[in-house]
């Protein structure tokens, strides 16, 4: 299990499956680079699909809320930051 934070609920944590969390986190971070411009959540999620293990998320099936949980955790930990734009855009910190 891994402890995740939520940017919107300061101080509140949740326990998630570590294998799935790390797979989604690694895929999302691979989709974002320091040199790249900021991306929308949809762009990050779409780009991350190519980096996910097929045996775990089979082409994005059953991906569900994992990307959102990881995004909020990475923001809370300062790994990524959001720009005040519409739609929201994210970049590595």
N, C-alpha and C. Protein backbone atom coordinates (compact mmCIF):
# COMPACT_ATOMS: atom_id res chain seq x y z
N UNK A 1 0.84 -1.18 0.00
CA UNK A 1 0.00 0.00 0.00
C UNK A 1 0.89 1.24 0.00
N UNK A 2 0.36 2.31 -0.57
CA UNK A 2 1.05 3.59 -0.60
C UNK A 2 0.10 4.65 -0.05
N UNK A 3 0.65 5.61 0.68
CA UNK A 3 -0.15 6.69 1.23
C UNK A 3 -0.18 7.84 0.24
N UNK A 4 -1.37 8.27 -0.14
CA UNK A 4 -1.51 9.39 -1.07
C UNK A 4 -2.21 10.55 -0.37
N UNK A 5 -1.86 11.74 -0.83
CA UNK A 5 -2.44 12.96 -0.31
C UNK A 5 -3.41 13.52 -1.35
N UNK A 6 -4.20 14.48 -0.91
CA UNK A 6 -5.13 15.14 -1.82
C UNK A 6 -4.96 16.63 -1.65
N UNK A 7 -4.61 17.32 -2.71
CA UNK A 7 -4.38 18.76 -2.69
C UNK A 7 -5.58 19.50 -2.13
N UNK A 8 -6.77 19.03 -2.43
CA UNK A 8 -7.99 19.73 -2.03
C UNK A 8 -8.40 19.44 -0.59
N UNK A 9 -7.87 18.37 0.00
CA UNK A 9 -8.22 18.00 1.38
C UNK A 9 -6.94 17.88 2.19
N UNK A 10 -6.38 19.01 2.54
CA UNK A 10 -5.10 19.07 3.24
C UNK A 10 -5.13 18.23 4.52
N UNK A 11 -4.09 17.43 4.70
CA UNK A 11 -3.96 16.61 5.90
C UNK A 11 -4.66 15.27 5.83
N UNK A 12 -5.52 15.08 4.84
CA UNK A 12 -6.23 13.81 4.72
C UNK A 12 -5.47 12.91 3.75
N UNK A 13 -5.25 11.67 4.15
CA UNK A 13 -4.53 10.72 3.31
C UNK A 13 -5.38 9.48 3.09
N UNK A 14 -4.99 8.72 2.06
CA UNK A 14 -5.66 7.46 1.73
C UNK A 14 -4.60 6.43 1.41
N UNK A 15 -4.93 5.18 1.59
CA UNK A 15 -4.05 4.07 1.25
C UNK A 15 -4.52 3.46 -0.07
N UNK A 16 -3.62 3.35 -1.04
CA UNK A 16 -3.94 2.77 -2.34
C UNK A 16 -2.98 1.65 -2.67
N UNK A 17 -3.39 0.80 -3.59
CA UNK A 17 -2.55 -0.28 -4.09
C UNK A 17 -1.27 0.32 -4.67
N UNK A 18 -0.13 -0.04 -4.10
CA UNK A 18 1.15 0.56 -4.50
C UNK A 18 1.54 0.22 -5.94
N UNK A 19 1.29 -1.00 -6.37
CA UNK A 19 1.68 -1.41 -7.72
C UNK A 19 0.93 -0.59 -8.76
N UNK A 20 -0.38 -0.46 -8.60
CA UNK A 20 -1.16 0.31 -9.56
C UNK A 20 -0.83 1.80 -9.47
N UNK A 21 -0.66 2.32 -8.26
CA UNK A 21 -0.31 3.73 -8.08
C UNK A 21 0.99 4.05 -8.82
N UNK A 22 2.02 3.24 -8.58
CA UNK A 22 3.32 3.51 -9.20
C UNK A 22 3.27 3.35 -10.72
N UNK A 23 2.49 2.41 -11.22
CA UNK A 23 2.34 2.24 -12.67
C UNK A 23 1.73 3.49 -13.29
N UNK A 24 0.66 4.01 -12.69
CA UNK A 24 0.00 5.20 -13.23
C UNK A 24 0.88 6.42 -13.05
N UNK A 25 1.49 6.56 -11.88
CA UNK A 25 2.37 7.70 -11.62
C UNK A 25 3.53 7.74 -12.61
N UNK A 26 4.19 6.61 -12.79
CA UNK A 26 5.32 6.56 -13.72
C UNK A 26 4.89 6.87 -15.14
N UNK A 27 3.75 6.36 -15.56
CA UNK A 27 3.24 6.63 -16.91
C UNK A 27 2.91 8.11 -17.08
N UNK A 28 2.31 8.72 -16.09
CA UNK A 28 1.97 10.14 -16.18
C UNK A 28 3.22 11.01 -16.20
N UNK A 29 4.19 10.67 -15.37
CA UNK A 29 5.43 11.46 -15.33
C UNK A 29 6.24 11.30 -16.61
N UNK A 30 6.16 10.14 -17.24
CA UNK A 30 6.84 9.94 -18.53
C UNK A 30 6.19 10.79 -19.61
N UNK A 31 4.88 11.03 -19.48
CA UNK A 31 4.17 11.84 -20.46
C UNK A 31 4.51 13.32 -20.32
N UNK A 32 4.97 13.70 -19.13
CA UNK A 32 5.32 15.10 -18.87
C UNK A 32 6.84 15.21 -18.77
N UNK A 33 7.40 16.21 -19.43
CA UNK A 33 8.84 16.43 -19.33
C UNK A 33 9.08 17.88 -18.94
N UNK A 34 10.26 18.14 -18.41
CA UNK A 34 10.60 19.51 -18.02
C UNK A 34 10.61 20.44 -19.22
N UNK A 35 10.98 19.92 -20.39
CA UNK A 35 11.09 20.74 -21.59
C UNK A 35 9.75 20.98 -22.27
N UNK A 36 8.78 20.13 -21.99
CA UNK A 36 7.49 20.22 -22.67
C UNK A 36 6.65 21.34 -22.07
N UNK A 37 5.77 21.92 -22.88
CA UNK A 37 4.84 22.90 -22.32
C UNK A 37 3.83 22.19 -21.42
N UNK A 38 3.09 22.96 -20.67
CA UNK A 38 2.10 22.35 -19.79
C UNK A 38 1.04 21.61 -20.60
N UNK A 39 0.44 20.60 -19.98
CA UNK A 39 -0.55 19.76 -20.64
C UNK A 39 -1.85 19.77 -19.85
N UNK A 40 -2.97 19.57 -20.54
CA UNK A 40 -4.23 19.41 -19.84
C UNK A 40 -4.26 18.01 -19.23
N UNK A 41 -5.17 17.81 -18.30
CA UNK A 41 -5.31 16.49 -17.67
C UNK A 41 -5.63 15.44 -18.74
N UNK A 42 -6.51 15.79 -19.68
CA UNK A 42 -6.88 14.85 -20.74
C UNK A 42 -5.66 14.48 -21.58
N UNK A 43 -4.80 15.45 -21.88
CA UNK A 43 -3.59 15.17 -22.66
C UNK A 43 -2.62 14.28 -21.90
N UNK A 44 -2.49 14.53 -20.61
CA UNK A 44 -1.60 13.69 -19.78
C UNK A 44 -2.13 12.27 -19.73
N UNK A 45 -3.43 12.14 -19.49
CA UNK A 45 -4.04 10.81 -19.39
C UNK A 45 -3.90 10.05 -20.70
N UNK A 46 -4.13 10.72 -21.81
CA UNK A 46 -4.03 10.09 -23.12
C UNK A 46 -2.59 9.65 -23.41
N UNK A 47 -1.64 10.53 -23.14
CA UNK A 47 -0.23 10.20 -23.39
C UNK A 47 0.25 9.10 -22.46
N UNK A 48 -0.26 9.06 -21.24
CA UNK A 48 0.16 8.05 -20.27
C UNK A 48 -0.30 6.65 -20.66
N UNK A 49 -1.38 6.54 -21.42
CA UNK A 49 -1.90 5.23 -21.81
C UNK A 49 -0.85 4.37 -22.50
N UNK A 50 0.02 4.99 -23.29
CA UNK A 50 1.04 4.22 -24.01
C UNK A 50 2.12 3.66 -23.09
N UNK A 51 2.20 4.18 -21.88
CA UNK A 51 3.24 3.75 -20.93
C UNK A 51 2.71 2.81 -19.84
N UNK A 52 1.42 2.52 -19.85
CA UNK A 52 0.83 1.66 -18.82
C UNK A 52 1.00 0.18 -19.17
N UNK A 53 1.23 -0.65 -18.18
CA UNK A 53 1.33 -2.10 -18.44
C UNK A 53 -0.02 -2.65 -18.91
N UNK A 54 -0.02 -3.32 -20.05
CA UNK A 54 -1.27 -3.86 -20.60
C UNK A 54 -1.92 -4.90 -19.70
N UNK A 55 -1.12 -5.66 -18.99
CA UNK A 55 -1.71 -6.69 -18.13
C UNK A 55 -2.46 -6.08 -16.94
N UNK A 56 -2.18 -4.82 -16.64
CA UNK A 56 -2.82 -4.18 -15.50
C UNK A 56 -4.02 -3.32 -15.90
N UNK A 57 -3.89 -2.59 -17.01
CA UNK A 57 -4.94 -1.65 -17.41
C UNK A 57 -5.40 -1.85 -18.85
N UNK A 58 -5.05 -2.91 -19.48
CA UNK A 58 -5.47 -3.30 -20.82
C UNK A 58 -6.03 -2.17 -21.68
N UNK A 59 -5.14 -1.39 -22.28
CA UNK A 59 -5.55 -0.33 -23.19
C UNK A 59 -6.35 0.79 -22.52
N UNK A 60 -6.20 0.95 -21.24
CA UNK A 60 -6.93 2.01 -20.54
C UNK A 60 -8.20 1.54 -19.88
N UNK A 61 -8.61 0.30 -20.18
CA UNK A 61 -9.79 -0.24 -19.51
C UNK A 61 -9.50 -0.34 -18.02
N UNK A 62 -10.47 -0.09 -17.22
CA UNK A 62 -10.36 -0.18 -15.77
C UNK A 62 -9.40 0.85 -15.18
N UNK A 63 -9.05 1.87 -15.95
CA UNK A 63 -8.16 2.91 -15.44
C UNK A 63 -8.91 3.80 -14.46
N UNK A 64 -10.17 4.08 -14.76
CA UNK A 64 -11.06 4.79 -13.86
C UNK A 64 -10.47 6.03 -13.22
N UNK A 65 -10.51 6.08 -11.90
CA UNK A 65 -10.11 7.25 -11.13
C UNK A 65 -8.63 7.30 -10.81
N UNK A 66 -7.86 6.31 -11.21
CA UNK A 66 -6.43 6.29 -10.87
C UNK A 66 -5.68 7.54 -11.32
N UNK A 67 -5.83 8.01 -12.57
CA UNK A 67 -5.07 9.20 -12.96
C UNK A 67 -5.40 10.43 -12.11
N UNK A 68 -6.67 10.61 -11.76
CA UNK A 68 -7.05 11.76 -10.94
C UNK A 68 -6.45 11.66 -9.55
N UNK A 69 -6.49 10.48 -8.95
CA UNK A 69 -5.91 10.29 -7.62
C UNK A 69 -4.41 10.58 -7.64
N UNK A 70 -3.74 10.10 -8.67
CA UNK A 70 -2.29 10.33 -8.80
C UNK A 70 -2.00 11.80 -9.03
N UNK A 71 -2.80 12.45 -9.90
CA UNK A 71 -2.60 13.87 -10.18
C UNK A 71 -2.73 14.70 -8.90
N UNK A 72 -3.75 14.46 -8.11
CA UNK A 72 -3.94 15.22 -6.87
C UNK A 72 -2.81 14.95 -5.87
N UNK A 73 -2.34 13.71 -5.81
CA UNK A 73 -1.23 13.37 -4.92
C UNK A 73 0.05 14.06 -5.37
N UNK A 74 0.34 14.03 -6.67
CA UNK A 74 1.56 14.67 -7.17
C UNK A 74 1.53 16.17 -6.95
N UNK A 75 0.36 16.77 -7.08
CA UNK A 75 0.23 18.21 -6.79
C UNK A 75 0.47 18.48 -5.30
N UNK A 76 -0.14 17.68 -4.44
CA UNK A 76 0.01 17.87 -3.00
C UNK A 76 1.46 17.72 -2.56
N UNK A 77 2.21 16.88 -3.26
CA UNK A 77 3.61 16.65 -2.92
C UNK A 77 4.55 17.60 -3.65
N UNK A 78 4.01 18.47 -4.51
CA UNK A 78 4.82 19.46 -5.20
C UNK A 78 5.59 18.93 -6.39
N UNK A 79 5.24 17.76 -6.88
CA UNK A 79 5.94 17.17 -8.04
C UNK A 79 5.46 17.83 -9.33
N UNK A 80 4.16 18.12 -9.39
CA UNK A 80 3.60 18.84 -10.53
C UNK A 80 2.88 20.07 -10.02
N UNK A 81 2.67 21.02 -10.91
CA UNK A 81 1.94 22.23 -10.53
C UNK A 81 0.90 22.53 -11.59
N UNK A 82 -0.15 23.20 -11.18
CA UNK A 82 -1.21 23.56 -12.12
C UNK A 82 -1.11 25.04 -12.44
N UNK A 83 -1.43 25.35 -13.68
CA UNK A 83 -1.48 26.75 -14.11
C UNK A 83 -2.92 27.23 -13.97
N UNK A 84 -3.07 28.49 -13.68
CA UNK A 84 -4.41 29.07 -13.52
C UNK A 84 -5.01 29.39 -14.88
N UNK A 85 -5.29 28.35 -15.63
CA UNK A 85 -5.86 28.50 -16.98
C UNK A 85 -7.14 27.67 -17.07
N UNK A 86 -7.89 27.91 -18.10
CA UNK A 86 -9.06 27.08 -18.40
C UNK A 86 -8.88 26.58 -19.81
N UNK A 87 -8.83 25.29 -20.05
CA UNK A 87 -8.84 24.24 -19.02
C UNK A 87 -7.53 24.25 -18.22
N UNK A 88 -7.59 23.60 -17.06
CA UNK A 88 -6.39 23.52 -16.22
C UNK A 88 -5.26 22.84 -16.99
N UNK A 89 -4.06 23.35 -16.80
CA UNK A 89 -2.88 22.77 -17.43
C UNK A 89 -1.88 22.45 -16.33
N UNK A 90 -1.11 21.39 -16.53
CA UNK A 90 -0.18 20.92 -15.51
C UNK A 90 1.23 20.80 -16.12
N UNK A 91 2.21 21.02 -15.26
CA UNK A 91 3.62 20.85 -15.68
C UNK A 91 4.40 20.32 -14.49
N UNK A 92 5.59 19.82 -14.77
CA UNK A 92 6.47 19.36 -13.69
C UNK A 92 6.96 20.58 -12.93
N UNK A 93 7.11 20.43 -11.63
CA UNK A 93 7.59 21.55 -10.79
C UNK A 93 9.08 21.72 -10.94
